[in-house]
PDB file of all heavy atoms in Angstrom:
ATOM      1  N   THR A   1      38.693  21.244 -33.478  1.00  0.00           N
ATOM      2  CA  THR A   1      38.316  19.843 -33.211  1.00  0.00           C
ATOM      3  C   THR A   1      37.324  19.805 -32.077  1.00  0.00           C
ATOM      4  O   THR A   1      37.416  20.622 -31.115  1.00  0.00           O
ATOM      5  CB  THR A   1      39.554  18.962 -32.896  1.00  0.00           C
ATOM      6  OG1 THR A   1      40.194  19.498 -31.749  1.00  0.00           O
ATOM      7  CG2 THR A   1      40.481  18.936 -34.050  1.00  0.00           C
ATOM      8  N   VAL A   2      36.445  18.844 -32.131  1.00  0.00           N
ATOM      9  CA  VAL A   2      35.441  18.666 -31.069  1.00  0.00           C
ATOM     10  C   VAL A   2      35.612  17.247 -30.540  1.00  0.00           C
ATOM     11  O   VAL A   2      35.645  16.274 -31.267  1.00  0.00           O
ATOM     12  CB  VAL A   2      34.027  18.870 -31.649  1.00  0.00           C
ATOM     13  CG1 VAL A   2      32.992  18.551 -30.571  1.00  0.00           C
ATOM     14  CG2 VAL A   2      33.861  20.261 -32.193  1.00  0.00           C
ATOM     15  N   ASN A   3      35.694  17.162 -29.226  1.00  0.00           N
ATOM     16  CA  ASN A   3      35.759  15.871 -28.594  1.00  0.00           C
ATOM     17  C   ASN A   3      34.310  15.380 -28.398  1.00  0.00           C
ATOM     18  O   ASN A   3      33.558  15.950 -27.618  1.00  0.00           O
ATOM     19  CB  ASN A   3      36.464  15.999 -27.214  1.00  0.00           C
ATOM     20  CG  ASN A   3      36.557  14.711 -26.463  1.00  0.00           C
ATOM     21  OD1 ASN A   3      35.654  13.862 -26.555  1.00  0.00           O
ATOM     22  ND2 ASN A   3      37.676  14.542 -25.758  1.00  0.00           N
ATOM     23  N   ALA A   4      33.933  14.374 -29.135  1.00  0.00           N
ATOM     24  CA  ALA A   4      32.546  13.902 -29.084  1.00  0.00           C
ATOM     25  C   ALA A   4      32.127  13.407 -27.719  1.00  0.00           C
ATOM     26  O   ALA A   4      31.008  13.650 -27.303  1.00  0.00           O
ATOM     27  CB  ALA A   4      32.364  12.790 -30.129  1.00  0.00           C
ATOM     28  N   GLY A   5      32.997  12.746 -27.005  1.00  0.00           N
ATOM     29  CA  GLY A   5      32.676  12.270 -25.686  1.00  0.00           C
ATOM     30  C   GLY A   5      32.429  13.440 -24.723  1.00  0.00           C
ATOM     31  O   GLY A   5      31.463  13.382 -23.913  1.00  0.00           O
ATOM     32  N   GLN A   6      33.260  14.447 -24.788  1.00  0.00           N
ATOM     33  CA  GLN A   6      33.106  15.599 -23.885  1.00  0.00           C
ATOM     34  C   GLN A   6      31.824  16.340 -24.271  1.00  0.00           C
ATOM     35  O   GLN A   6      31.080  16.775 -23.403  1.00  0.00           O
ATOM     36  CB  GLN A   6      34.308  16.517 -24.029  1.00  0.00           C
ATOM     37  CG  GLN A   6      34.258  17.680 -23.109  1.00  0.00           C
ATOM     38  CD  GLN A   6      35.470  18.612 -23.266  1.00  0.00           C
ATOM     39  OE1 GLN A   6      36.370  18.343 -24.046  1.00  0.00           O
ATOM     40  NE2 GLN A   6      35.506  19.679 -22.505  1.00  0.00           N
ATOM     41  N   PHE A   7      31.567  16.493 -25.580  1.00  0.00           N
ATOM     42  CA  PHE A   7      30.339  17.148 -26.027  1.00  0.00           C
ATOM     43  C   PHE A   7      29.124  16.415 -25.502  1.00  0.00           C
ATOM     44  O   PHE A   7      28.147  17.039 -25.011  1.00  0.00           O
ATOM     45  CB  PHE A   7      30.320  17.233 -27.557  1.00  0.00           C
ATOM     46  CG  PHE A   7      29.054  17.818 -28.098  1.00  0.00           C
ATOM     47  CD1 PHE A   7      28.791  19.195 -28.028  1.00  0.00           C
ATOM     48  CD2 PHE A   7      28.093  16.987 -28.669  1.00  0.00           C
ATOM     49  CE1 PHE A   7      27.615  19.722 -28.522  1.00  0.00           C
ATOM     50  CE2 PHE A   7      26.900  17.529 -29.168  1.00  0.00           C
ATOM     51  CZ  PHE A   7      26.636  18.857 -29.098  1.00  0.00           C
ATOM     52  N   HIS A   8      29.122  15.097 -25.630  1.00  0.00           N
ATOM     53  CA  HIS A   8      27.990  14.288 -25.175  1.00  0.00           C
ATOM     54  C   HIS A   8      27.795  14.463 -23.681  1.00  0.00           C
ATOM     55  O   HIS A   8      26.641  14.619 -23.212  1.00  0.00           O
ATOM     56  CB  HIS A   8      28.241  12.817 -25.526  1.00  0.00           C
ATOM     57  CG  HIS A   8      27.138  11.933 -25.078  1.00  0.00           C
ATOM     58  ND1 HIS A   8      25.933  11.860 -25.712  1.00  0.00           N
ATOM     59  CD2 HIS A   8      27.052  11.010 -24.065  1.00  0.00           C
ATOM     60  CE1 HIS A   8      25.123  10.985 -25.085  1.00  0.00           C
ATOM     61  NE2 HIS A   8      25.808  10.481 -24.081  1.00  0.00           N
ATOM     62  N   ALA A   9      28.859  14.418 -22.893  1.00  0.00           N
ATOM     63  CA  ALA A   9      28.758  14.613 -21.435  1.00  0.00           C
ATOM     64  C   ALA A   9      28.178  15.957 -21.079  1.00  0.00           C
ATOM     65  O   ALA A   9      27.322  16.070 -20.167  1.00  0.00           O
ATOM     66  CB  ALA A   9      30.154  14.394 -20.767  1.00  0.00           C
ATOM     67  N   GLU A  10      28.658  17.005 -21.743  1.00  0.00           N
ATOM     68  CA  GLU A  10      28.152  18.332 -21.457  1.00  0.00           C
ATOM     69  C   GLU A  10      26.675  18.468 -21.849  1.00  0.00           C
ATOM     70  O   GLU A  10      25.849  19.110 -21.149  1.00  0.00           O
ATOM     71  CB  GLU A  10      29.003  19.374 -22.167  1.00  0.00           C
ATOM     72  CG  GLU A  10      30.389  19.547 -21.579  1.00  0.00           C
ATOM     73  CD  GLU A  10      31.232  20.564 -22.308  1.00  0.00           C
ATOM     74  OE1 GLU A  10      30.675  21.451 -22.986  1.00  0.00           O
ATOM     75  OE2 GLU A  10      32.464  20.459 -22.176  1.00  0.00           O
ATOM     76  N   LEU A  11      26.291  17.861 -22.970  1.00  0.00           N
ATOM     77  CA  LEU A  11      24.932  17.901 -23.403  1.00  0.00           C
ATOM     78  C   LEU A  11      24.008  17.153 -22.424  1.00  0.00           C
ATOM     79  O   LEU A  11      22.945  17.632 -22.064  1.00  0.00           O
ATOM     80  CB  LEU A  11      24.808  17.254 -24.818  1.00  0.00           C
ATOM     81  CG  LEU A  11      23.424  17.308 -25.463  1.00  0.00           C
ATOM     82  CD1 LEU A  11      22.957  18.761 -25.626  1.00  0.00           C
ATOM     83  CD2 LEU A  11      23.461  16.620 -26.822  1.00  0.00           C
ATOM     84  N   GLU A  12      24.460  16.009 -21.938  1.00  0.00           N
ATOM     85  CA  GLU A  12      23.696  15.245 -20.941  1.00  0.00           C
ATOM     86  C   GLU A  12      23.527  16.058 -19.669  1.00  0.00           C
ATOM     87  O   GLU A  12      22.434  16.076 -19.077  1.00  0.00           O
ATOM     88  CB  GLU A  12      24.396  13.923 -20.602  1.00  0.00           C
ATOM     89  CG  GLU A  12      24.315  12.863 -21.672  1.00  0.00           C
ATOM     90  CD  GLU A  12      22.916  12.285 -21.802  1.00  0.00           C
ATOM     91  OE1 GLU A  12      22.258  12.105 -20.781  1.00  0.00           O
ATOM     92  OE2 GLU A  12      22.502  12.030 -22.945  1.00  0.00           O
ATOM     93  N   LYS A  13      24.545  16.744 -19.245  1.00  0.00           N
ATOM     94  CA  LYS A  13      24.494  17.584 -18.033  1.00  0.00           C
ATOM     95  C   LYS A  13      23.481  18.714 -18.247  1.00  0.00           C
ATOM     96  O   LYS A  13      22.695  19.010 -17.349  1.00  0.00           O
ATOM     97  CB  LYS A  13      25.876  18.139 -17.759  1.00  0.00           C
ATOM     98  CG  LYS A  13      25.949  18.976 -16.484  1.00  0.00           C
ATOM     99  CD  LYS A  13      27.359  19.512 -16.305  1.00  0.00           C
ATOM    100  CE  LYS A  13      27.429  20.453 -15.110  1.00  0.00           C
ATOM    101  NZ  LYS A  13      28.751  21.049 -14.921  1.00  0.00           N
ATOM    102  N   GLU A  14      23.542  19.312 -19.408  1.00  0.00           N
ATOM    103  CA  GLU A  14      22.611  20.414 -19.697  1.00  0.00           C
ATOM    104  C   GLU A  14      21.142  19.916 -19.750  1.00  0.00           C
ATOM    105  O   GLU A  14      20.242  20.572 -19.195  1.00  0.00           O
ATOM    106  CB  GLU A  14      22.990  21.013 -21.076  1.00  0.00           C
ATOM    107  CG  GLU A  14      22.638  22.419 -21.329  1.00  0.00           C
ATOM    108  CD  GLU A  14      23.060  23.442 -20.301  1.00  0.00           C
ATOM    109  OE1 GLU A  14      24.163  23.423 -19.786  1.00  0.00           O
ATOM    110  OE2 GLU A  14      22.184  24.292 -20.008  1.00  0.00           O
ATOM    111  N   LEU A  15      20.926  18.783 -20.386  1.00  0.00           N
ATOM    112  CA  LEU A  15      19.564  18.213 -20.431  1.00  0.00           C
ATOM    113  C   LEU A  15      19.059  17.854 -19.038  1.00  0.00           C
ATOM    114  O   LEU A  15      17.878  18.026 -18.754  1.00  0.00           O
ATOM    115  CB  LEU A  15      19.565  17.000 -21.359  1.00  0.00           C
ATOM    116  CG  LEU A  15      19.670  17.320 -22.850  1.00  0.00           C
ATOM    117  CD1 LEU A  15      19.785  16.015 -23.653  1.00  0.00           C
ATOM    118  CD2 LEU A  15      18.508  18.148 -23.333  1.00  0.00           C
ATOM    119  N   LYS A  16      19.929  17.335 -18.186  1.00  0.00           N
ATOM    120  CA  LYS A  16      19.516  16.964 -16.832  1.00  0.00           C
ATOM    121  C   LYS A  16      19.079  18.233 -16.098  1.00  0.00           C
ATOM    122  O   LYS A  16      18.065  18.200 -15.391  1.00  0.00           O
ATOM    123  CB  LYS A  16      20.661  16.314 -16.092  1.00  0.00           C
ATOM    124  CG  LYS A  16      20.311  15.928 -14.677  1.00  0.00           C
ATOM    125  CD  LYS A  16      20.696  14.475 -14.433  1.00  0.00           C
ATOM    126  CE  LYS A  16      20.408  14.097 -13.011  1.00  0.00           C
ATOM    127  NZ  LYS A  16      19.127  13.507 -12.833  1.00  0.00           N
ATOM    128  N   GLY A  17      19.778  19.355 -16.287  1.00  0.00           N
ATOM    129  CA  GLY A  17      19.367  20.616 -15.689  1.00  0.00           C
ATOM    130  C   GLY A  17      18.034  21.092 -16.177  1.00  0.00           C
ATOM    131  O   GLY A  17      17.218  21.601 -15.408  1.00  0.00           O
ATOM    132  N   VAL A  18      17.746  20.916 -17.466  1.00  0.00           N
ATOM    133  CA  VAL A  18      16.461  21.323 -18.031  1.00  0.00           C
ATOM    134  C   VAL A  18      15.370  20.424 -17.468  1.00  0.00           C
ATOM    135  O   VAL A  18      14.316  20.928 -17.096  1.00  0.00           O
ATOM    136  CB  VAL A  18      16.488  21.230 -19.583  1.00  0.00           C
ATOM    137  CG1 VAL A  18      15.077  21.397 -20.178  1.00  0.00           C
ATOM    138  CG2 VAL A  18      17.432  22.293 -20.161  1.00  0.00           C
ATOM    139  N   GLU A  19      15.594  19.122 -17.375  1.00  0.00           N
ATOM    140  CA  GLU A  19      14.591  18.225 -16.801  1.00  0.00           C
ATOM    141  C   GLU A  19      14.293  18.614 -15.351  1.00  0.00           C
ATOM    142  O   GLU A  19      13.116  18.608 -14.944  1.00  0.00           O
ATOM    143  CB  GLU A  19      15.107  16.776 -16.849  1.00  0.00           C
ATOM    144  CG  GLU A  19      14.994  16.108 -18.178  1.00  0.00           C
ATOM    145  CD  GLU A  19      15.459  14.656 -18.133  1.00  0.00           C
ATOM    146  OE1 GLU A  19      16.181  14.251 -17.182  1.00  0.00           O
ATOM    147  OE2 GLU A  19      15.084  13.903 -19.051  1.00  0.00           O
ATOM    148  N   GLU A  20      15.315  18.908 -14.552  1.00  0.00           N
ATOM    149  CA  GLU A  20      15.102  19.263 -13.170  1.00  0.00           C
ATOM    150  C   GLU A  20      14.319  20.556 -13.069  1.00  0.00           C
ATOM    151  O   GLU A  20      13.397  20.679 -12.229  1.00  0.00           O
ATOM    152  CB  GLU A  20      16.435  19.406 -12.439  1.00  0.00           C
ATOM    153  CG  GLU A  20      17.103  18.082 -12.198  1.00  0.00           C
ATOM    154  CD  GLU A  20      18.509  18.219 -11.611  1.00  0.00           C
ATOM    155  OE1 GLU A  20      18.966  19.365 -11.369  1.00  0.00           O
ATOM    156  OE2 GLU A  20      19.187  17.187 -11.398  1.00  0.00           O
ATOM    157  N   ALA A  21      14.642  21.557 -13.910  1.00  0.00           N
ATOM    158  CA  ALA A  21      13.923  22.831 -13.883  1.00  0.00           C
ATOM    159  C   ALA A  21      12.471  22.638 -14.308  1.00  0.00           C
ATOM    160  O   ALA A  21      11.538  23.221 -13.688  1.00  0.00           O
ATOM    161  CB  ALA A  21      14.606  23.830 -14.782  1.00  0.00           C
ATOM    162  N   THR A  22      12.232  21.810 -15.288  1.00  0.00           N
ATOM    163  CA  THR A  22      10.850  21.541 -15.725  1.00  0.00           C
ATOM    164  C   THR A  22      10.064  20.823 -14.655  1.00  0.00           C
ATOM    165  O   THR A  22       8.884  21.162 -14.400  1.00  0.00           O
ATOM    166  CB  THR A  22      10.884  20.722 -17.028  1.00  0.00           C
ATOM    167  OG1 THR A  22      11.635  21.371 -17.998  1.00  0.00           O
ATOM    168  CG2 THR A  22       9.504  20.403 -17.532  1.00  0.00           C
ATOM    169  N   THR A  23      10.648  19.845 -13.994  1.00  0.00           N
ATOM    170  CA  THR A  23       9.995  19.114 -12.933  1.00  0.00           C
ATOM    171  C   THR A  23       9.689  20.055 -11.753  1.00  0.00           C
ATOM    172  O   THR A  23       8.597  20.014 -11.190  1.00  0.00           O
ATOM    173  CB  THR A  23      10.855  17.930 -12.507  1.00  0.00           C
ATOM    174  OG1 THR A  23      11.070  17.071 -13.624  1.00  0.00           O
ATOM    175  CG2 THR A  23      10.159  17.111 -11.414  1.00  0.00           C
ATOM    176  N   ASP A  24      10.627  20.909 -11.396  1.00  0.00           N
ATOM    177  CA  ASP A  24      10.395  21.857 -10.330  1.00  0.00           C
ATOM    178  C   ASP A  24       9.252  22.799 -10.632  1.00  0.00           C
ATOM    179  O   ASP A  24       8.403  23.107  -9.827  1.00  0.00           O
ATOM    180  CB  ASP A  24      11.669  22.672 -10.008  1.00  0.00           C
ATOM    181  CG  ASP A  24      12.765  21.832  -9.346  1.00  0.00           C
ATOM    182  OD1 ASP A  24      12.446  20.731  -8.858  1.00  0.00           O
ATOM    183  OD2 ASP A  24      13.917  22.297  -9.301  1.00  0.00           O
TER     184      ASP A  24
END
């Protein structure tokens, strides 16, 4: 089973890291 809320939160965190790395 996959918790959609947890998956979404982890995906958002990962995308924020990619955005920060790209901006840097």
